[in-house]
Amino acid sequence: MVEVLPQINAILNLISLVFLLFGYIAIKNGKQTQHKKFMLSAFFVSMLFLLSYLLHKYFLYVETNSFNASFKGEGIYRTIYFIILIPHITLAISVPILAIVAIRFALKENFSSHKKIVKFAYPIWLYVSITGVLVYLMLYQFFK
């Protein structure tokens, strides 16, 4: 189980990223109903990711007595990995909260507050989705 979950997590991050991009395109084209569907889909997929991520941490700990896989890259690659990873983790903590607040404003049709929070929540969510895939590739594919 522990071996397949990182790949599932990366796929979920990628799917969320696609929904986020389509949601952005939809709202820029004035298609509010499509935007809502894409953004709620991005949120749902991100919550699936969070569940899968926590399961991965649990199973990894049970199997290895550690919550984290160790990065095998060296030198500049190790530096780059941590430059990506540290803000990824820090910002990822805020994504569920920011997304819930943004969704709540939108569902209450408080679009001025929704727009204000989305101005910084959306780029954070994009960054976390993109870097989630990069972290997976660096940790499990490029430097085995």
N, C-alpha and C. Protein backbone atom coordinates (compact mmCIF):
# COMPACT_ATOMS: atom_id res chain seq x y z
N MET A 1 0.82 -1.20 0.00
CA MET A 1 0.00 0.00 0.00
C MET A 1 0.86 1.26 0.00
N VAL A 2 1.92 1.25 0.79
CA VAL A 2 2.74 2.44 0.94
C VAL A 2 3.43 2.83 -0.36
N GLU A 3 3.67 1.87 -1.25
CA GLU A 3 4.39 2.15 -2.49
C GLU A 3 3.53 2.89 -3.51
N VAL A 4 2.24 2.62 -3.55
CA VAL A 4 1.37 3.17 -4.59
C VAL A 4 0.78 4.53 -4.19
N LEU A 5 0.69 4.82 -2.92
CA LEU A 5 0.05 6.07 -2.49
C LEU A 5 0.76 7.34 -2.96
N PRO A 6 2.09 7.41 -2.98
CA PRO A 6 2.71 8.63 -3.51
C PRO A 6 2.33 8.92 -4.97
N GLN A 7 2.23 7.88 -5.77
CA GLN A 7 1.83 8.06 -7.17
C GLN A 7 0.38 8.54 -7.24
N ILE A 8 -0.48 7.95 -6.44
CA ILE A 8 -1.88 8.39 -6.39
C ILE A 8 -1.94 9.85 -5.97
N ASN A 9 -1.15 10.22 -4.97
CA ASN A 9 -1.12 11.61 -4.51
C ASN A 9 -0.70 12.57 -5.61
N ALA A 10 0.32 12.19 -6.36
CA ALA A 10 0.79 13.05 -7.46
C ALA A 10 -0.29 13.19 -8.52
N ILE A 11 -0.96 12.10 -8.83
CA ILE A 11 -2.05 12.15 -9.83
C ILE A 11 -3.18 13.04 -9.33
N LEU A 12 -3.52 12.92 -8.05
CA LEU A 12 -4.58 13.78 -7.49
C LEU A 12 -4.16 15.25 -7.54
N ASN A 13 -2.91 15.54 -7.24
CA ASN A 13 -2.42 16.92 -7.35
C ASN A 13 -2.53 17.42 -8.78
N LEU A 14 -2.18 16.59 -9.73
CA LEU A 14 -2.24 16.97 -11.13
C LEU A 14 -3.68 17.21 -11.58
N ILE A 15 -4.58 16.35 -11.17
CA ILE A 15 -6.01 16.52 -11.51
C ILE A 15 -6.54 17.81 -10.89
N SER A 16 -6.19 18.06 -9.65
CA SER A 16 -6.60 19.30 -8.99
C SER A 16 -6.07 20.51 -9.75
N LEU A 17 -4.82 20.44 -10.17
CA LEU A 17 -4.22 21.53 -10.96
C LEU A 17 -5.01 21.79 -12.24
N VAL A 18 -5.38 20.74 -12.93
CA VAL A 18 -6.15 20.88 -14.17
C VAL A 18 -7.50 21.54 -13.89
N PHE A 19 -8.19 21.09 -12.84
CA PHE A 19 -9.46 21.71 -12.48
C PHE A 19 -9.29 23.18 -12.11
N LEU A 20 -8.21 23.49 -11.38
CA LEU A 20 -7.95 24.89 -11.02
C LEU A 20 -7.76 25.75 -12.27
N LEU A 21 -6.99 25.25 -13.22
CA LEU A 21 -6.75 26.00 -14.45
C LEU A 21 -8.03 26.17 -15.27
N PHE A 22 -8.80 25.09 -15.40
CA PHE A 22 -10.07 25.18 -16.14
C PHE A 22 -11.05 26.11 -15.42
N GLY A 23 -11.04 26.09 -14.09
CA GLY A 23 -11.91 26.98 -13.32
C GLY A 23 -11.55 28.43 -13.56
N TYR A 24 -10.27 28.71 -13.61
CA TYR A 24 -9.79 30.07 -13.88
C TYR A 24 -10.22 30.53 -15.28
N ILE A 25 -10.01 29.66 -16.25
CA ILE A 25 -10.40 29.99 -17.63
C ILE A 25 -11.91 30.23 -17.72
N ALA A 26 -12.68 29.39 -17.04
CA ALA A 26 -14.14 29.53 -17.08
C ALA A 26 -14.58 30.87 -16.51
N ILE A 27 -14.05 31.27 -15.37
CA ILE A 27 -14.50 32.54 -14.77
C ILE A 27 -14.02 33.72 -15.59
N LYS A 28 -12.85 33.62 -16.21
CA LYS A 28 -12.36 34.71 -17.05
C LYS A 28 -13.23 34.87 -18.31
N ASN A 29 -13.89 33.79 -18.70
CA ASN A 29 -14.80 33.82 -19.85
C ASN A 29 -16.26 34.04 -19.43
N GLY A 30 -16.47 34.37 -18.15
CA GLY A 30 -17.81 34.67 -17.67
C GLY A 30 -18.71 33.46 -17.49
N LYS A 31 -18.14 32.29 -17.43
CA LYS A 31 -18.93 31.06 -17.29
C LYS A 31 -18.94 30.63 -15.81
N GLN A 32 -19.80 31.27 -15.04
CA GLN A 32 -19.83 31.06 -13.59
C GLN A 32 -20.23 29.64 -13.19
N THR A 33 -21.18 29.05 -13.90
CA THR A 33 -21.60 27.69 -13.56
C THR A 33 -20.47 26.70 -13.78
N GLN A 34 -19.77 26.83 -14.90
CA GLN A 34 -18.62 25.96 -15.16
C GLN A 34 -17.51 26.20 -14.13
N HIS A 35 -17.28 27.47 -13.83
CA HIS A 35 -16.26 27.81 -12.83
C HIS A 35 -16.57 27.13 -11.51
N LYS A 36 -17.80 27.21 -11.08
CA LYS A 36 -18.21 26.60 -9.82
C LYS A 36 -17.96 25.09 -9.84
N LYS A 37 -18.32 24.44 -10.92
CA LYS A 37 -18.13 22.99 -11.04
C LYS A 37 -16.64 22.63 -11.00
N PHE A 38 -15.82 23.37 -11.73
CA PHE A 38 -14.39 23.08 -11.75
C PHE A 38 -13.75 23.32 -10.37
N MET A 39 -14.13 24.40 -9.74
CA MET A 39 -13.50 24.72 -8.45
C MET A 39 -13.95 23.76 -7.35
N LEU A 40 -15.22 23.38 -7.35
CA LEU A 40 -15.68 22.39 -6.37
C LEU A 40 -15.03 21.03 -6.66
N SER A 41 -14.82 20.72 -7.92
CA SER A 41 -14.11 19.49 -8.28
C SER A 41 -12.67 19.54 -7.80
N ALA A 42 -12.01 20.68 -7.97
CA ALA A 42 -10.64 20.85 -7.49
C ALA A 42 -10.59 20.66 -5.98
N PHE A 43 -11.56 21.22 -5.28
CA PHE A 43 -11.61 21.08 -3.83
C PHE A 43 -11.82 19.61 -3.43
N PHE A 44 -12.75 18.95 -4.08
CA PHE A 44 -13.02 17.54 -3.78
C PHE A 44 -11.78 16.68 -4.02
N VAL A 45 -11.12 16.88 -5.14
CA VAL A 45 -9.92 16.10 -5.45
C VAL A 45 -8.80 16.42 -4.45
N SER A 46 -8.70 17.68 -4.06
CA SER A 46 -7.69 18.05 -3.06
C SER A 46 -7.98 17.40 -1.70
N MET A 47 -9.24 17.26 -1.36
CA MET A 47 -9.57 16.59 -0.10
C MET A 47 -9.29 15.08 -0.20
N LEU A 48 -9.51 14.50 -1.38
CA LEU A 48 -9.11 13.10 -1.60
C LEU A 48 -7.59 12.98 -1.45
N PHE A 49 -6.87 13.95 -2.01
CA PHE A 49 -5.43 13.97 -1.85
C PHE A 49 -5.05 13.99 -0.37
N LEU A 50 -5.66 14.87 0.39
CA LEU A 50 -5.32 14.99 1.81
C LEU A 50 -5.55 13.66 2.54
N LEU A 51 -6.65 13.00 2.26
CA LEU A 51 -6.93 11.70 2.86
C LEU A 51 -5.86 10.68 2.46
N SER A 52 -5.55 10.64 1.17
CA SER A 52 -4.54 9.70 0.67
C SER A 52 -3.16 10.02 1.26
N TYR A 53 -2.84 11.30 1.38
CA TYR A 53 -1.56 11.73 1.94
C TYR A 53 -1.43 11.27 3.40
N LEU A 54 -2.48 11.46 4.16
CA LEU A 54 -2.46 11.04 5.57
C LEU A 54 -2.37 9.51 5.70
N LEU A 55 -3.06 8.81 4.82
CA LEU A 55 -2.95 7.35 4.81
C LEU A 55 -1.52 6.93 4.48
N HIS A 56 -0.92 7.61 3.51
CA HIS A 56 0.46 7.30 3.16
C HIS A 56 1.38 7.49 4.36
N LYS A 57 1.22 8.60 5.07
CA LYS A 57 2.06 8.85 6.25
C LYS A 57 1.87 7.75 7.29
N TYR A 58 0.63 7.35 7.51
CA TYR A 58 0.35 6.28 8.48
C TYR A 58 1.02 4.97 8.06
N PHE A 59 0.77 4.54 6.82
CA PHE A 59 1.34 3.27 6.37
C PHE A 59 2.87 3.32 6.30
N LEU A 60 3.42 4.45 5.92
CA LEU A 60 4.87 4.60 5.88
C LEU A 60 5.45 4.46 7.29
N TYR A 61 4.79 5.06 8.26
CA TYR A 61 5.27 4.95 9.64
C TYR A 61 5.18 3.51 10.14
N VAL A 62 4.08 2.84 9.84
CA VAL A 62 3.91 1.45 10.26
C VAL A 62 5.01 0.58 9.66
N GLU A 63 5.33 0.82 8.39
CA GLU A 63 6.30 0.00 7.68
C GLU A 63 7.75 0.35 8.00
N THR A 64 8.04 1.65 8.17
CA THR A 64 9.45 2.07 8.29
C THR A 64 9.79 2.74 9.62
N ASN A 65 8.79 2.99 10.43
CA ASN A 65 8.96 3.71 11.69
C ASN A 65 9.36 5.17 11.46
N SER A 66 9.03 5.69 10.26
CA SER A 66 9.28 7.09 9.92
C SER A 66 8.10 7.59 9.10
N PHE A 67 7.73 8.86 9.31
CA PHE A 67 6.63 9.44 8.55
C PHE A 67 7.06 9.91 7.17
N ASN A 68 8.36 9.99 6.92
CA ASN A 68 8.85 10.57 5.68
C ASN A 68 9.82 9.64 4.96
N ALA A 69 9.73 9.69 3.63
CA ALA A 69 10.74 9.01 2.81
C ALA A 69 11.94 9.94 2.72
N SER A 70 13.12 9.37 2.68
CA SER A 70 14.31 10.22 2.62
C SER A 70 14.66 10.52 1.15
N PHE A 71 15.07 11.77 0.93
CA PHE A 71 15.45 12.20 -0.41
C PHE A 71 16.85 11.68 -0.71
N LYS A 72 17.02 11.04 -1.85
CA LYS A 72 18.28 10.39 -2.20
C LYS A 72 19.20 11.26 -3.06
N GLY A 73 18.69 12.38 -3.55
CA GLY A 73 19.51 13.27 -4.36
C GLY A 73 20.59 13.93 -3.53
N GLU A 74 21.65 14.37 -4.21
CA GLU A 74 22.77 14.99 -3.52
C GLU A 74 23.11 16.32 -4.14
N GLY A 75 23.93 17.09 -3.44
CA GLY A 75 24.46 18.35 -3.96
C GLY A 75 23.37 19.36 -4.25
N ILE A 76 23.46 19.97 -5.42
CA ILE A 76 22.52 21.02 -5.82
C ILE A 76 21.10 20.50 -5.89
N TYR A 77 20.93 19.21 -6.24
CA TYR A 77 19.59 18.62 -6.33
C TYR A 77 18.92 18.58 -4.96
N ARG A 78 19.70 18.30 -3.94
CA ARG A 78 19.17 18.29 -2.58
C ARG A 78 18.73 19.69 -2.16
N THR A 79 19.54 20.67 -2.51
CA THR A 79 19.20 22.06 -2.20
C THR A 79 17.91 22.48 -2.92
N ILE A 80 17.83 22.17 -4.20
CA ILE A 80 16.63 22.50 -4.98
C ILE A 80 15.41 21.81 -4.39
N TYR A 81 15.56 20.55 -4.03
CA TYR A 81 14.45 19.79 -3.45
C TYR A 81 13.91 20.50 -2.21
N PHE A 82 14.78 20.90 -1.31
CA PHE A 82 14.32 21.54 -0.08
C PHE A 82 13.81 22.96 -0.32
N ILE A 83 14.35 23.64 -1.32
CA ILE A 83 13.83 24.97 -1.68
C ILE A 83 12.38 24.85 -2.16
N ILE A 84 12.06 23.77 -2.84
CA ILE A 84 10.68 23.52 -3.29
C ILE A 84 9.84 22.98 -2.15
N LEU A 85 10.38 22.03 -1.39
CA LEU A 85 9.60 21.32 -0.37
C LEU A 85 9.16 22.21 0.79
N ILE A 86 10.04 23.03 1.31
CA ILE A 86 9.71 23.80 2.52
C ILE A 86 8.53 24.75 2.30
N PRO A 87 8.54 25.60 1.25
CA PRO A 87 7.34 26.42 1.05
C PRO A 87 6.12 25.59 0.65
N HIS A 88 6.35 24.48 -0.06
CA HIS A 88 5.23 23.60 -0.42
C HIS A 88 4.50 23.15 0.83
N ILE A 89 5.22 22.64 1.80
CA ILE A 89 4.60 22.15 3.04
C ILE A 89 3.94 23.30 3.80
N THR A 90 4.67 24.39 3.93
CA THR A 90 4.17 25.54 4.68
C THR A 90 2.87 26.07 4.07
N LEU A 91 2.85 26.23 2.77
CA LEU A 91 1.66 26.76 2.10
C LEU A 91 0.53 25.73 2.02
N ALA A 92 0.88 24.45 1.90
CA ALA A 92 -0.14 23.40 1.81
C ALA A 92 -1.04 23.37 3.04
N ILE A 93 -0.50 23.72 4.17
CA ILE A 93 -1.29 23.75 5.40
C ILE A 93 -2.45 24.73 5.28
N SER A 94 -2.23 25.81 4.55
CA SER A 94 -3.26 26.85 4.45
C SER A 94 -4.32 26.57 3.38
N VAL A 95 -4.03 25.71 2.43
CA VAL A 95 -4.93 25.51 1.29
C VAL A 95 -6.34 25.07 1.70
N PRO A 96 -6.51 24.05 2.55
CA PRO A 96 -7.90 23.67 2.89
C PRO A 96 -8.68 24.80 3.54
N ILE A 97 -8.03 25.54 4.42
CA ILE A 97 -8.71 26.64 5.11
C ILE A 97 -9.09 27.74 4.12
N LEU A 98 -8.12 28.15 3.31
CA LEU A 98 -8.39 29.20 2.33
C LEU A 98 -9.48 28.77 1.34
N ALA A 99 -9.42 27.53 0.90
CA ALA A 99 -10.41 27.04 -0.06
C ALA A 99 -11.80 27.01 0.56
N ILE A 100 -11.90 26.55 1.78
CA ILE A 100 -13.21 26.51 2.45
C ILE A 100 -13.78 27.91 2.61
N VAL A 101 -12.95 28.86 3.02
CA VAL A 101 -13.41 30.24 3.18
C VAL A 101 -13.87 30.80 1.84
N ALA A 102 -13.07 30.58 0.79
CA ALA A 102 -13.43 31.08 -0.54
C ALA A 102 -14.73 30.46 -1.03
N ILE A 103 -14.87 29.16 -0.85
CA ILE A 103 -16.09 28.46 -1.27
C ILE A 103 -17.30 28.98 -0.48
N ARG A 104 -17.11 29.16 0.78
CA ARG A 104 -18.20 29.65 1.63
C ARG A 104 -18.68 31.03 1.17
N PHE A 105 -17.74 31.94 0.90
CA PHE A 105 -18.13 33.26 0.39
C PHE A 105 -18.88 33.14 -0.93
N ALA A 106 -18.40 32.30 -1.81
CA ALA A 106 -19.04 32.15 -3.12
C ALA A 106 -20.45 31.57 -2.99
N LEU A 107 -20.60 30.55 -2.14
CA LEU A 107 -21.92 29.93 -1.97
C LEU A 107 -22.92 30.89 -1.33
N LYS A 108 -22.42 31.81 -0.51
CA LYS A 108 -23.29 32.84 0.09
C LYS A 108 -23.46 34.04 -0.84
N GLU A 109 -22.88 33.93 -2.03
CA GLU A 109 -22.92 34.98 -3.05
C GLU A 109 -22.31 36.29 -2.57
N ASN A 110 -21.34 36.18 -1.69
CA ASN A 110 -20.56 37.34 -1.25
C ASN A 110 -19.32 37.38 -2.14
N PHE A 111 -19.53 37.79 -3.38
CA PHE A 111 -18.48 37.69 -4.38
C PHE A 111 -17.34 38.69 -4.17
N SER A 112 -17.60 39.81 -3.53
CA SER A 112 -16.50 40.75 -3.28
C SER A 112 -15.51 40.14 -2.28
N SER A 113 -16.01 39.51 -1.22
CA SER A 113 -15.11 38.83 -0.27
C SER A 113 -14.46 37.61 -0.90
N HIS A 114 -15.23 36.91 -1.74
CA HIS A 114 -14.69 35.74 -2.45
C HIS A 114 -13.50 36.16 -3.31
N LYS A 115 -13.65 37.23 -4.06
CA LYS A 115 -12.58 37.70 -4.94
C LYS A 115 -11.35 38.13 -4.13
N LYS A 116 -11.58 38.77 -2.99
CA LYS A 116 -10.45 39.23 -2.16
C LYS A 116 -9.61 38.06 -1.67
N ILE A 117 -10.25 37.01 -1.18
CA ILE A 117 -9.48 35.87 -0.66
C ILE A 117 -8.85 35.06 -1.78
N VAL A 118 -9.55 34.97 -2.90
CA VAL A 118 -9.05 34.18 -4.03
C VAL A 118 -7.80 34.81 -4.64
N LYS A 119 -7.65 36.13 -4.51
CA LYS A 119 -6.47 36.81 -5.08
C LYS A 119 -5.16 36.22 -4.54
N PHE A 120 -5.16 35.77 -3.28
CA PHE A 120 -3.94 35.13 -2.78
C PHE A 120 -4.12 33.63 -2.57
N ALA A 121 -5.36 33.16 -2.38
CA ALA A 121 -5.58 31.72 -2.17
C ALA A 121 -5.31 30.92 -3.45
N TYR A 122 -5.75 31.44 -4.58
CA TYR A 122 -5.61 30.72 -5.85
C TYR A 122 -4.14 30.49 -6.22
N PRO A 123 -3.27 31.51 -6.18
CA PRO A 123 -1.86 31.24 -6.50
C PRO A 123 -1.20 30.27 -5.52
N ILE A 124 -1.60 30.33 -4.27
CA ILE A 124 -1.06 29.38 -3.28
C ILE A 124 -1.47 27.97 -3.64
N TRP A 125 -2.74 27.78 -3.96
CA TRP A 125 -3.26 26.46 -4.32
C TRP A 125 -2.58 25.94 -5.58
N LEU A 126 -2.39 26.82 -6.56
CA LEU A 126 -1.66 26.43 -7.78
C LEU A 126 -0.24 25.99 -7.45
N TYR A 127 0.45 26.80 -6.67
CA TYR A 127 1.83 26.49 -6.29
C TYR A 127 1.91 25.13 -5.60
N VAL A 128 1.01 24.90 -4.66
CA VAL A 128 1.02 23.64 -3.91
C VAL A 128 0.74 22.46 -4.83
N SER A 129 -0.18 22.62 -5.77
CA SER A 129 -0.49 21.53 -6.70
C SER A 129 0.69 21.23 -7.62
N ILE A 130 1.30 22.27 -8.16
CA ILE A 130 2.44 22.08 -9.06
C ILE A 130 3.63 21.48 -8.31
N THR A 131 3.97 22.06 -7.17
CA THR A 131 5.13 21.57 -6.43
C THR A 131 4.89 20.20 -5.82
N GLY A 132 3.62 19.86 -5.56
CA GLY A 132 3.32 18.51 -5.09
C GLY A 132 3.75 17.47 -6.10
N VAL A 133 3.49 17.75 -7.37
CA VAL A 133 3.91 16.85 -8.44
C VAL A 133 5.43 16.83 -8.54
N LEU A 134 6.06 18.00 -8.46
CA LEU A 134 7.52 18.08 -8.53
C LEU A 134 8.19 17.32 -7.39
N VAL A 135 7.67 17.48 -6.19
CA VAL A 135 8.23 16.77 -5.03
C VAL A 135 8.12 15.27 -5.25
N TYR A 136 6.97 14.81 -5.73
CA TYR A 136 6.81 13.38 -6.02
C TYR A 136 7.87 12.92 -7.03
N LEU A 137 8.00 13.66 -8.12
CA LEU A 137 8.96 13.25 -9.16
C LEU A 137 10.38 13.21 -8.61
N MET A 138 10.75 14.20 -7.84
CA MET A 138 12.11 14.24 -7.28
C MET A 138 12.33 13.14 -6.26
N LEU A 139 11.33 12.87 -5.44
CA LEU A 139 11.49 11.91 -4.35
C LEU A 139 11.37 10.46 -4.82
N TYR A 140 10.47 10.20 -5.76
CA TYR A 140 10.16 8.81 -6.12
C TYR A 140 10.55 8.40 -7.54
N GLN A 141 10.87 9.36 -8.41
CA GLN A 141 11.19 9.00 -9.78
C GLN A 141 12.62 9.36 -10.19
N PHE A 142 13.02 10.59 -9.98
CA PHE A 142 14.31 11.04 -10.46
C PHE A 142 15.49 10.54 -9.62
N PHE A 143 15.31 10.45 -8.32
CA PHE A 143 16.42 10.12 -7.42
C PHE A 143 16.03 8.93 -6.54
N LYS A 144 15.90 7.78 -7.14
CA LYS A 144 15.50 6.57 -6.39
C LYS A 144 16.65 6.04 -5.56
